């Protein structure tokens, strides 16, 4: 993954604390954050792990919507984690290579765009790595895992980009993780979010966070 770390470090040097530094040149992070967190219930003392947290832009988004969230971030990019610890000293940040480096469990685990750049030149090998990571993350959540990816139903692909087949991921989640899941392709044309619950969904939609 050294080439990916170099890409992010270079973007951070050029753009500072911005969405360009985490390789979202068109922004639209708020739409992604809504899709990932819209089913978080309004309860006190929630814990959220942001896997591939980048520059922790999700934290202020959560703080503005929930009264009590224990936020933790995890990322492989050292300069991101250093910047996050200075910017958000009250939060916990893990410098990790994989979920096995993270101790404990979290109520909610979300991941936005962490798998969009190929880890290896072989897309099949990358997919196997990603699916393994999702299994590890699902083991660490108490309520749900929600992940954002780029769909393969596109007209153009950048050379290093990974585009996930939606049906393939859905079937994997049903077989290996849980059949309690929800697919959202409504918010941006070439992305999707898959949310996978550990237990049956409780309460009505009015009990959830921003929707």
Foldseek 3Di string as FASTA:
>chain_A
DVVVLVQLVVQCVVPPPDVVSLPPVVDPVVLVLCQQAQFAFADAPFEEEEEQCQQVPSVVVVVVWHVHYQYEYEHQRVVSQVNNCVVCVSHHYYNDDALVSDDAAGQEYEYECPLFFAPDQDLVVSVVVVLVRVLSNLVRHQFKYKYKFFAPPDDDDDNGTHHDHPVVVLVSCVVRPHPQKDKDCDRDPGMIMIMHTPDHRDDDSVRGIHD
